[in-house]
C-alpha atoms as a PDB file:
ATOM      1  CA  MET A   1     129.617 159.895 119.880  1.00  0.00           C
ATOM      2  CA  LYS A   2     131.474 156.582 120.016  1.00  0.00           C
ATOM      3  CA  LEU A   3     130.551 154.120 122.749  1.00  0.00           C
ATOM      4  CA  HIS A   4     133.505 152.857 124.808  1.00  0.00           C
ATOM      5  CA  PHE A   5     133.833 149.898 127.166  1.00  0.00           C
ATOM      6  CA  LEU A   6     135.727 150.720 130.379  1.00  0.00           C
ATOM      7  CA  ASP A   7     137.113 148.263 132.916  1.00  0.00           C
ATOM      8  CA  ARG A   8     135.896 149.280 136.387  1.00  0.00           C
ATOM      9  CA  SER A   9     136.644 145.976 138.099  1.00  0.00           C
ATOM     10  CA  SER A  10     137.585 145.899 141.783  1.00  0.00           C
ATOM     11  CA  HIS A  11     141.031 145.145 143.153  1.00  0.00           C
ATOM     12  CA  ARG A  12     141.737 141.666 144.463  1.00  0.00           C
ATOM     13  CA  ASP A  13     141.468 142.666 148.121  1.00  0.00           C
ATOM     14  CA  THR A  14     138.029 144.299 147.908  1.00  0.00           C
ATOM     15  CA  SER A  15     134.607 143.457 146.468  1.00  0.00           C
ATOM     16  CA  PHE A  16     133.864 147.068 145.433  1.00  0.00           C
ATOM     17  CA  THR A  17     135.798 150.265 144.797  1.00  0.00           C
ATOM     18  CA  VAL A  18     135.273 153.794 146.069  1.00  0.00           C
ATOM     19  CA  LYS A  19     136.831 156.644 144.123  1.00  0.00           C
ATOM     20  CA  LYS A  20     136.707 160.363 144.781  1.00  0.00           C
ATOM     21  CA  ASN A  21     136.973 162.331 141.556  1.00  0.00           C
ATOM     22  CA  SER A  22     138.159 165.918 141.621  1.00  0.00           C
ATOM     23  CA  TYR A  23     139.105 167.290 138.211  1.00  0.00           C
ATOM     24  CA  PRO A  24     138.513 170.427 136.128  1.00  0.00           C
ATOM     25  CA  TYR A  25     135.744 168.424 134.405  1.00  0.00           C
ATOM     26  CA  PHE A  26     134.350 164.892 134.337  1.00  0.00           C
ATOM     27  CA  LEU A  27     135.404 162.240 131.837  1.00  0.00           C
ATOM     28  CA  ARG A  28     133.978 163.198 128.438  1.00  0.00           C
ATOM     29  CA  ILE A  29     133.462 159.649 127.191  1.00  0.00           C
ATOM     30  CA  TRP A  30     130.168 157.934 126.346  1.00  0.00           C
ATOM     31  CA  HIS A  31     130.887 154.586 127.989  1.00  0.00           C
ATOM     32  CA  TYR A  32     129.598 151.508 129.772  1.00  0.00           C
ATOM     33  CA  HIS A  33     131.004 148.803 132.041  1.00  0.00           C
ATOM     34  CA  GLU A  34     130.104 145.501 133.666  1.00  0.00           C
ATOM     35  CA  GLU A  35     129.977 147.045 137.127  1.00  0.00           C
ATOM     36  CA  LEU A  36     127.076 148.961 138.641  1.00  0.00           C
ATOM     37  CA  GLU A  37     127.958 152.546 139.575  1.00  0.00           C
ATOM     38  CA  LEU A  38     126.636 154.651 142.438  1.00  0.00           C
ATOM     39  CA  VAL A  39     127.505 158.331 141.939  1.00  0.00           C
ATOM     40  CA  TYR A  40     127.158 161.252 144.338  1.00  0.00           C
ATOM     41  CA  VAL A  41     127.940 164.561 142.604  1.00  0.00           C
ATOM     42  CA  THR A  42     129.266 166.923 145.237  1.00  0.00           C
ATOM     43  CA  LYS A  43     130.330 169.834 143.045  1.00  0.00           C
ATOM     44  CA  SER A  44     129.506 170.269 139.361  1.00  0.00           C
ATOM     45  CA  THR A  45     126.873 171.233 136.777  1.00  0.00           C
ATOM     46  CA  GLY A  46     126.176 170.141 133.228  1.00  0.00           C
ATOM     47  CA  THR A  47     124.180 167.638 131.178  1.00  0.00           C
ATOM     48  CA  ARG A  48     123.815 163.997 132.189  1.00  0.00           C
ATOM     49  CA  PHE A  49     123.360 161.225 129.612  1.00  0.00           C
ATOM     50  CA  ILE A  50     122.148 157.829 130.836  1.00  0.00           C
ATOM     51  CA  GLY A  51     120.762 155.567 128.127  1.00  0.00           C
ATOM     52  CA  ASP A  52     118.218 157.731 126.310  1.00  0.00           C
ATOM     53  CA  SER A  53     117.779 160.064 129.295  1.00  0.00           C
ATOM     54  CA  ILE A  54     119.279 163.530 128.812  1.00  0.00           C
ATOM     55  CA  GLU A  55     118.897 165.883 131.784  1.00  0.00           C
ATOM     56  CA  ARG A  56     120.646 168.729 133.526  1.00  0.00           C
ATOM     57  CA  PHE A  57     122.616 167.787 136.636  1.00  0.00           C
ATOM     58  CA  ARG A  58     123.864 169.824 139.562  1.00  0.00           C
ATOM     59  CA  ASP A  59     125.454 169.521 142.987  1.00  0.00           C
ATOM     60  CA  GLY A  60     123.920 166.997 145.332  1.00  0.00           C
ATOM     61  CA  GLU A  61     122.409 164.436 142.974  1.00  0.00           C
ATOM     62  CA  VAL A  62     122.729 160.697 143.611  1.00  0.00           C
ATOM     63  CA  ILE A  63     122.459 158.276 140.675  1.00  0.00           C
ATOM     64  CA  LEU A  64     122.623 154.477 140.441  1.00  0.00           C
ATOM     65  CA  ILE A  65     123.627 153.085 137.020  1.00  0.00           C
ATOM     66  CA  GLY A  66     123.102 149.446 136.129  1.00  0.00           C
ATOM     67  CA  LYS A  67     125.339 146.946 134.384  1.00  0.00           C
ATOM     68  CA  ASN A  68     126.294 147.839 130.790  1.00  0.00           C
ATOM     69  CA  LEU A  69     124.111 150.980 130.704  1.00  0.00           C
ATOM     70  CA  PRO A  70     125.852 153.693 128.619  1.00  0.00           C
ATOM     71  CA  HIS A  71     126.348 157.011 130.404  1.00  0.00           C
ATOM     72  CA  MET A  72     128.287 160.274 130.519  1.00  0.00           C
ATOM     73  CA  TRP A  73     128.349 163.448 132.623  1.00  0.00           C
ATOM     74  CA  LEU A  74     129.122 166.402 130.333  1.00  0.00           C
ATOM     75  CA  ASN A  75     130.101 169.558 132.187  1.00  0.00           C
ATOM     76  CA  ASP A  76     129.002 173.027 131.128  1.00  0.00           C
ATOM     77  CA  GLU A  77     131.286 174.875 128.730  1.00  0.00           C
ATOM     78  CA  GLU A  78     132.844 177.083 131.407  1.00  0.00           C
ATOM     79  CA  TYR A  79     134.477 173.997 132.957  1.00  0.00           C
ATOM     80  CA  PHE A  80     136.613 173.594 129.830  1.00  0.00           C
ATOM     81  CA  ALA A  81     137.986 177.146 129.758  1.00  0.00           C
ATOM     82  CA  GLU A  82     141.803 177.157 129.817  1.00  0.00           C
ATOM     83  CA  SER A  83     141.916 179.797 132.531  1.00  0.00           C
ATOM     84  CA  GLY A  84     138.944 178.389 134.425  1.00  0.00           C
ATOM     85  CA  SER A  85     139.049 177.603 138.133  1.00  0.00           C
ATOM     86  CA  LEU A  86     135.938 175.408 138.358  1.00  0.00           C
ATOM     87  CA  ILE A  87     136.255 171.888 139.763  1.00  0.00           C
ATOM     88  CA  ALA A  88     134.019 168.876 139.157  1.00  0.00           C
ATOM     89  CA  GLU A  89     133.822 166.596 142.185  1.00  0.00           C
ATOM     90  CA  ALA A  90     131.995 163.318 142.776  1.00  0.00           C
ATOM     91  CA  THR A  91     132.256 160.082 144.724  1.00  0.00           C
ATOM     92  CA  ALA A  92     131.790 156.956 142.589  1.00  0.00           C
ATOM     93  CA  ILE A  93     131.300 153.405 143.885  1.00  0.00           C
ATOM     94  CA  HIS A  94     131.696 150.518 141.427  1.00  0.00           C
ATOM     95  CA  PHE A  95     130.524 147.011 142.238  1.00  0.00           C
ATOM     96  CA  ARG A  96     129.425 143.837 140.469  1.00  0.00           C
ATOM     97  CA  GLN A  97     125.857 142.598 140.728  1.00  0.00           C
ATOM     98  CA  ASP A  98     127.176 139.477 142.483  1.00  0.00           C
ATOM     99  CA  PHE A  99     129.895 141.265 144.485  1.00  0.00           C
ATOM    100  CA  LEU A 100     128.864 139.308 147.605  1.00  0.00           C
ATOM    101  CA  GLY A 101     128.237 136.022 145.794  1.00  0.00           C
ATOM    102  CA  ASN A 102     125.538 134.752 143.468  1.00  0.00           C
ATOM    103  CA  ASP A 103     122.924 134.062 146.143  1.00  0.00           C
ATOM    104  CA  PHE A 104     123.624 136.664 148.843  1.00  0.00           C
ATOM    105  CA  PHE A 105     120.779 139.007 147.889  1.00  0.00           C
ATOM    106  CA  GLU A 106     118.363 136.101 147.511  1.00  0.00           C
ATOM    107  CA  ALA A 107     117.851 136.170 151.287  1.00  0.00           C
ATOM    108  CA  PRO A 108     114.280 137.308 152.144  1.00  0.00           C
ATOM    109  CA  GLU A 109     115.632 140.089 154.363  1.00  0.00           C
ATOM    110  CA  LEU A 110     117.463 141.591 151.374  1.00  0.00           C
ATOM    111  CA  LYS A 111     114.587 141.505 148.901  1.00  0.00           C
ATOM    112  CA  ASN A 112     114.439 145.303 148.574  1.00  0.00           C
ATOM    113  CA  ILE A 113     118.141 145.546 147.745  1.00  0.00           C
ATOM    114  CA  ARG A 114     117.771 142.771 145.162  1.00  0.00           C
ATOM    115  CA  GLU A 115     114.918 144.678 143.526  1.00  0.00           C
ATOM    116  CA  LEU A 116     116.970 147.897 143.628  1.00  0.00           C
ATOM    117  CA  ILE A 117     119.846 146.209 141.795  1.00  0.00           C
ATOM    118  CA  GLU A 118     117.462 144.772 139.210  1.00  0.00           C
ATOM    119  CA  LYS A 119     115.828 148.153 138.610  1.00  0.00           C
ATOM    120  CA  SER A 120     119.197 149.881 138.319  1.00  0.00           C
ATOM    121  CA  ARG A 121     119.443 148.553 134.751  1.00  0.00           C
ATOM    122  CA  TYR A 122     117.373 151.603 133.744  1.00  0.00           C
ATOM    123  CA  GLY A 123     119.384 154.076 135.792  1.00  0.00           C
ATOM    124  CA  LEU A 124     117.846 155.581 138.951  1.00  0.00           C
ATOM    125  CA  LYS A 125     117.846 159.105 140.365  1.00  0.00           C
ATOM    126  CA  PHE A 126     117.157 159.570 144.093  1.00  0.00           C
ATOM    127  CA  GLU A 127     115.241 162.723 144.997  1.00  0.00           C
ATOM    128  CA  ASN A 128     115.175 164.344 148.480  1.00  0.00           C
ATOM    129  CA  LEU A 129     117.671 161.875 149.858  1.00  0.00           C
ATOM    130  CA  ASN A 130     118.603 162.130 153.529  1.00  0.00           C
ATOM    131  CA  PRO A 131     121.867 164.153 153.855  1.00  0.00           C
ATOM    132  CA  LYS A 132     123.189 161.481 156.229  1.00  0.00           C
ATOM    133  CA  ILE A 133     123.094 158.910 153.401  1.00  0.00           C
ATOM    134  CA  LYS A 134     124.907 161.296 151.069  1.00  0.00           C
ATOM    135  CA  ASN A 135     127.556 161.807 153.713  1.00  0.00           C
ATOM    136  CA  SER A 136     127.862 158.030 154.180  1.00  0.00           C
ATOM    137  CA  ILE A 137     128.568 157.703 150.447  1.00  0.00           C
ATOM    138  CA  GLN A 138     131.157 160.467 150.585  1.00  0.00           C
ATOM    139  CA  VAL A 139     133.102 158.930 153.487  1.00  0.00           C
ATOM    140  CA  LEU A 140     132.761 155.299 152.430  1.00  0.00           C
ATOM    141  CA  ASP A 141     136.489 155.134 151.673  1.00  0.00           C
ATOM    142  CA  LYS A 142     137.276 155.517 155.396  1.00  0.00           C
ATOM    143  CA  GLY A 143     137.776 152.635 157.838  1.00  0.00           C
ATOM    144  CA  THR A 144     138.603 148.944 157.559  1.00  0.00           C
ATOM    145  CA  GLN A 145     137.443 146.787 154.668  1.00  0.00           C
ATOM    146  CA  PHE A 146     134.823 145.132 156.885  1.00  0.00           C
ATOM    147  CA  GLU A 147     133.515 148.492 158.152  1.00  0.00           C
ATOM    148  CA  LYS A 148     133.254 149.806 154.601  1.00  0.00           C
ATOM    149  CA  LEU A 149     131.345 146.717 153.497  1.00  0.00           C
ATOM    150  CA  MET A 150     128.828 147.009 156.344  1.00  0.00           C
ATOM    151  CA  ARG A 151     128.293 150.711 155.644  1.00  0.00           C
ATOM    152  CA  PHE A 152     127.860 150.033 151.942  1.00  0.00           C
ATOM    153  CA  ILE A 153     125.130 147.449 152.577  1.00  0.00           C
ATOM    154  CA  HIS A 154     123.513 150.014 154.905  1.00  0.00           C
ATOM    155  CA  ILE A 155     123.590 152.585 152.071  1.00  0.00           C
ATOM    156  CA  LEU A 156     122.041 150.134 149.606  1.00  0.00           C
ATOM    157  CA  LYS A 157     119.295 149.326 152.111  1.00  0.00           C
ATOM    158  CA  HIS A 158     118.411 153.024 152.500  1.00  0.00           C
ATOM    159  CA  LEU A 159     118.407 153.551 148.729  1.00  0.00           C
ATOM    160  CA  ALA A 160     116.205 150.487 148.262  1.00  0.00           C
ATOM    161  CA  ASP A 161     113.685 151.768 150.843  1.00  0.00           C
ATOM    162  CA  HIS A 162     113.738 155.357 149.558  1.00  0.00           C
ATOM    163  CA  LYS A 163     110.341 156.343 148.116  1.00  0.00           C
ATOM    164  CA  HIS A 164     111.390 159.065 145.688  1.00  0.00           C
ATOM    165  CA  LYS A 165     113.204 157.244 142.906  1.00  0.00           C
ATOM    166  CA  THR A 166     113.035 158.268 139.225  1.00  0.00           C
ATOM    167  CA  VAL A 167     113.659 155.758 136.433  1.00  0.00           C
ATOM    168  CA  LEU A 168     115.869 157.388 133.797  1.00  0.00           C
ATOM    169  CA  SER A 169     116.231 155.187 130.719  1.00  0.00           C
ATOM    170  CA  SER A 170     113.544 153.414 128.682  1.00  0.00           C
ATOM    171  CA  GLU A 171     112.996 149.687 128.173  1.00  0.00           C
ATOM    172  CA  GLY A 172     113.538 150.017 124.415  1.00  0.00           C
ATOM    173  CA  TYR A 173     116.881 151.711 124.835  1.00  0.00           C
ATOM    174  CA  LEU A 174     117.931 149.157 127.416  1.00  0.00           C
ATOM    175  CA  ASN A 175     117.227 146.304 125.020  1.00  0.00           C
ATOM    176  CA  THR A 176     119.294 148.045 122.366  1.00  0.00           C
ATOM    177  CA  PHE A 177     122.438 148.206 124.468  1.00  0.00           C
ATOM    178  CA  LYS A 178     122.425 144.799 126.050  1.00  0.00           C
ATOM    179  CA  LYS A 179     125.917 143.418 125.667  1.00  0.00           C
ATOM    180  CA  THR A 180     125.915 140.784 122.953  1.00  0.00           C
ATOM    181  CA  ASN A 181     128.399 138.532 121.229  1.00  0.00           C
ATOM    182  CA  ASN A 182     127.188 139.856 117.886  1.00  0.00           C
ATOM    183  CA  LYS A 183     130.072 141.993 116.634  1.00  0.00           C
ATOM    184  CA  ASN A 184     128.037 143.111 113.624  1.00  0.00           C
ATOM    185  CA  LEU A 185     125.377 144.485 115.975  1.00  0.00           C
ATOM    186  CA  ASP A 186     128.000 146.399 117.944  1.00  0.00           C
ATOM    187  CA  LYS A 187     129.291 147.860 114.663  1.00  0.00           C
ATOM    188  CA  ILE A 188     125.770 148.967 113.752  1.00  0.00           C
ATOM    189  CA  TYR A 189     125.315 150.910 116.994  1.00  0.00           C
ATOM    190  CA  GLU A 190     128.743 152.466 116.651  1.00  0.00           C
ATOM    191  CA  TYR A 191     127.969 153.488 113.065  1.00  0.00           C
ATOM    192  CA  ILE A 192     124.687 155.115 114.130  1.00  0.00           C
ATOM    193  CA  PHE A 193     126.313 157.097 116.951  1.00  0.00           C
ATOM    194  CA  ASN A 194     129.101 158.273 114.668  1.00  0.00           C
ATOM    195  CA  ASN A 195     126.808 159.272 111.799  1.00  0.00           C
ATOM    196  CA  PHE A 196     123.385 160.214 113.184  1.00  0.00           C
ATOM    197  CA  ASP A 197     124.083 163.885 112.372  1.00  0.00           C
ATOM    198  CA  LYS A 198     124.445 162.995 108.691  1.00  0.00           C
ATOM    199  CA  GLN A 199     122.246 161.220 106.177  1.00  0.00           C
ATOM    200  CA  ILE A 200     122.081 157.521 107.058  1.00  0.00           C
ATOM    201  CA  VAL A 201     121.192 155.135 104.235  1.00  0.00           C
ATOM    202  CA  LEU A 202     119.510 151.907 105.309  1.00  0.00           C
ATOM    203  CA  SER A 203     121.262 149.844 102.639  1.00  0.00           C
ATOM    204  CA  GLU A 204     124.689 150.942 103.931  1.00  0.00           C
ATOM    205  CA  VAL A 205     123.848 149.953 107.502  1.00  0.00           C
ATOM    206  CA  ALA A 206     122.398 146.647 106.305  1.00  0.00           C
ATOM    207  CA  GLU A 207     125.684 145.971 104.539  1.00  0.00           C
ATOM    208  CA  ILE A 208     127.544 146.372 107.836  1.00  0.00           C
ATOM    209  CA  ALA A 209     125.241 143.694 109.276  1.00  0.00           C
ATOM    210  CA  ASN A 210     125.845 141.465 106.237  1.00  0.00           C
ATOM    211  CA  MET A 211     122.111 141.433 105.457  1.00  0.00           C
ATOM    212  CA  ASN A 212     119.876 142.678 102.708  1.00  0.00           C
ATOM    213  CA  PRO A 213     117.841 145.787 103.671  1.00  0.00           C
ATOM    214  CA  SER A 214     114.539 143.942 104.187  1.00  0.00           C
ATOM    215  CA  ALA A 215     116.083 141.267 106.406  1.00  0.00           C
ATOM    216  CA  PHE A 216     117.992 143.919 108.368  1.00  0.00           C
ATOM    217  CA  SER A 217     114.819 145.968 108.965  1.00  0.00           C
ATOM    218  CA  ARG A 218     113.020 142.928 110.387  1.00  0.00           C
ATOM    219  CA  PHE A 219     116.056 141.983 112.490  1.00  0.00           C
ATOM    220  CA  PHE A 220     116.484 145.501 113.886  1.00  0.00           C
ATOM    221  CA  LYS A 221     112.807 145.846 114.826  1.00  0.00           C
ATOM    222  CA  ARG A 222     112.811 142.452 116.536  1.00  0.00           C
ATOM    223  CA  ILE A 223     115.885 143.372 118.622  1.00  0.00           C
ATOM    224  CA  ASN A 224     114.932 146.968 119.449  1.00  0.00           C
ATOM    225  CA  ARG A 225     111.125 146.831 119.335  1.00  0.00           C
ATOM    226  CA  LYS A 226     111.121 149.828 117.024  1.00  0.00           C
ATOM    227  CA  THR A 227     112.001 150.453 113.399  1.00  0.00           C
ATOM    228  CA  PHE A 228     115.464 151.544 112.349  1.00  0.00           C
ATOM    229  CA  LYS A 229     114.060 154.942 111.356  1.00  0.00           C
ATOM    230  CA  GLU A 230     112.349 155.401 114.728  1.00  0.00           C
ATOM    231  CA  TYR A 231     115.565 154.502 116.537  1.00  0.00           C
ATOM    232  CA  VAL A 232     117.670 156.994 114.553  1.00  0.00           C
ATOM    233  CA  ASN A 233     115.074 159.715 115.155  1.00  0.00           C
ATOM    234  CA  GLU A 234     115.213 159.089 118.913  1.00  0.00           C
ATOM    235  CA  ILE A 235     119.020 159.400 118.907  1.00  0.00           C
ATOM    236  CA  ARG A 236     118.829 162.615 116.863  1.00  0.00           C
ATOM    237  CA  ILE A 237     116.153 164.190 119.055  1.00  0.00           C
ATOM    238  CA  GLY A 238     118.067 163.181 122.181  1.00  0.00           C
ATOM    239  CA  TYR A 239     121.100 165.014 120.815  1.00  0.00           C
ATOM    240  CA  ALA A 240     118.906 168.011 119.910  1.00  0.00           C
ATOM    241  CA  CYS A 241     117.683 168.120 123.531  1.00  0.00           C
ATOM    242  CA  LYS A 242     121.302 168.254 124.673  1.00  0.00           C
ATOM    243  CA  LEU A 243     122.046 171.170 122.339  1.00  0.00           C
ATOM    244  CA  LEU A 244     118.906 173.034 123.396  1.00  0.00           C
ATOM    245  CA  SER A 245     119.868 172.627 127.060  1.00  0.00           C
ATOM    246  CA  GLU A 246     123.259 174.194 126.376  1.00  0.00           C
ATOM    247  CA  HIS A 247     121.698 177.365 124.873  1.00  0.00           C
ATOM    248  CA  GLN A 248     124.468 177.735 122.276  1.00  0.00           C
ATOM    249  CA  TYR A 249     122.544 177.511 119.003  1.00  0.00           C
ATOM    250  CA  ASN A 250     119.145 178.576 117.751  1.00  0.00           C
ATOM    251  CA  ILE A 251     116.526 175.973 116.855  1.00  0.00           C
ATOM    252  CA  THR A 252     117.223 176.103 113.117  1.00  0.00           C
ATOM    253  CA  ARG A 253     120.936 175.470 113.659  1.00  0.00           C
ATOM    254  CA  ILE A 254     120.149 172.611 116.038  1.00  0.00           C
ATOM    255  CA  CYS A 255     117.849 171.061 113.429  1.00  0.00           C
ATOM    256  CA  TYR A 256     120.785 170.692 111.022  1.00  0.00           C
ATOM    257  CA  GLU A 257     123.328 169.801 113.717  1.00  0.00           C
ATOM    258  CA  SER A 258     121.077 166.887 114.710  1.00  0.00           C
ATOM    259  CA  GLY A 259     120.950 165.387 111.227  1.00  0.00           C
ATOM    260  CA  TYR A 260     117.734 166.887 109.858  1.00  0.00           C
ATOM    261  CA  ASN A 261     117.599 168.911 106.648  1.00  0.00           C
ATOM    262  CA  ASN A 262     113.980 170.015 107.027  1.00  0.00           C
ATOM    263  CA  ILE A 263     112.816 172.191 109.929  1.00  0.00           C
ATOM    264  CA  SER A 264     109.181 171.059 109.694  1.00  0.00           C
ATOM    265  CA  ASN A 265     110.201 167.394 109.913  1.00  0.00           C
ATOM    266  CA  PHE A 266     112.497 168.219 112.821  1.00  0.00           C
ATOM    267  CA  ASN A 267     109.659 169.969 114.676  1.00  0.00           C
ATOM    268  CA  ARG A 268     107.295 167.082 113.967  1.00  0.00           C
ATOM    269  CA  GLN A 269     109.724 164.401 115.178  1.00  0.00           C
ATOM    270  CA  PHE A 270     110.716 166.451 118.213  1.00  0.00           C
ATOM    271  CA  LYS A 271     107.118 166.815 119.408  1.00  0.00           C
ATOM    272  CA  LYS A 272     106.347 163.179 118.651  1.00  0.00           C
ATOM    273  CA  ILE A 273     109.236 161.961 120.831  1.00  0.00           C
ATOM    274  CA  THR A 274     109.323 164.550 123.647  1.00  0.00           C
ATOM    275  CA  GLY A 275     105.697 165.698 123.712  1.00  0.00           C
ATOM    276  CA  LYS A 276     106.836 169.310 123.298  1.00  0.00           C
ATOM    277  CA  SER A 277     107.892 171.525 120.428  1.00  0.00           C
ATOM    278  CA  PRO A 278     111.566 172.617 120.417  1.00  0.00           C
ATOM    279  CA  SER A 279     110.572 176.104 121.597  1.00  0.00           C
ATOM    280  CA  GLN A 280     108.402 174.678 124.405  1.00  0.00           C
ATOM    281  CA  TYR A 281     111.256 172.386 125.460  1.00  0.00           C
ATOM    282  CA  LEU A 282     113.638 175.331 125.495  1.00  0.00           C
ATOM    283  CA  GLN A 283     111.318 177.438 127.654  1.00  0.00           C
ATOM    284  CA  HIS A 284     110.745 174.541 130.060  1.00  0.00           C
ATOM    285  CA  HIS A 285     114.479 173.947 130.330  1.00  0.00           C
ATOM    286  CA  LYS A 286     115.173 177.624 131.076  1.00  0.00           C
ATOM    287  CA  ARG A 287     112.779 177.416 134.037  1.00  0.00           C
ATOM    288  CA  SER A 288     114.274 174.179 135.419  1.00  0.00           C
END
């Protein structure tokens, strides 16, 4: 799963963009961008990937994604049927962290919004949100530029004050995907995402980083706060969770599809990372 950078920058005459998406299915690209993204899914189901969070999604959810946080909404298989009539719909708002200037949110009255924007770096899900706020998001493209701006600040204020927020991605994953000027590091992450379902040899990855294996291991742990092996296992188990949620393969098949060649090791790593066995995860997911 290759990570792509997308340009979501605003037009010259506006500080943020509002786009209503209505397609047979959402964009199937694991991507990130400089802009924050507020998404209201109005019609669709599938699996949502934000950082190392992998969860089912459905109509009505509202998500705030921070700067440079990788994400993707993957629709259920029936959305991709050639003769299908299903539609995936969502309203997406893209804006820069400083879209109103560097110091605007430093005002004491806007402290909660500032904290919301800071916390968005993990990805946030808003539970039991007032339908009026959802409607405000959906109709934000209406009116003059000034009216839209005032309504958008109003929306951010309500989201900031909302009590039922769930943090989606982990600190370790966030540190991994901070945008850097280290092209070798970017190549390492790309290599892992393209090859995690196969055998990955440490010496080959170290060569990409132009380091010897020992130096690379120390470097990787310092950057990611986990060993290279732990990181690869988390990516593999995350992918296994996705496959389990789709109910297409049995657990043994998923073990091999996720890059493991030993079912006992797969079960051990799965429980270590998720706290459940694959069968327990599958049963829990069927009930959710």
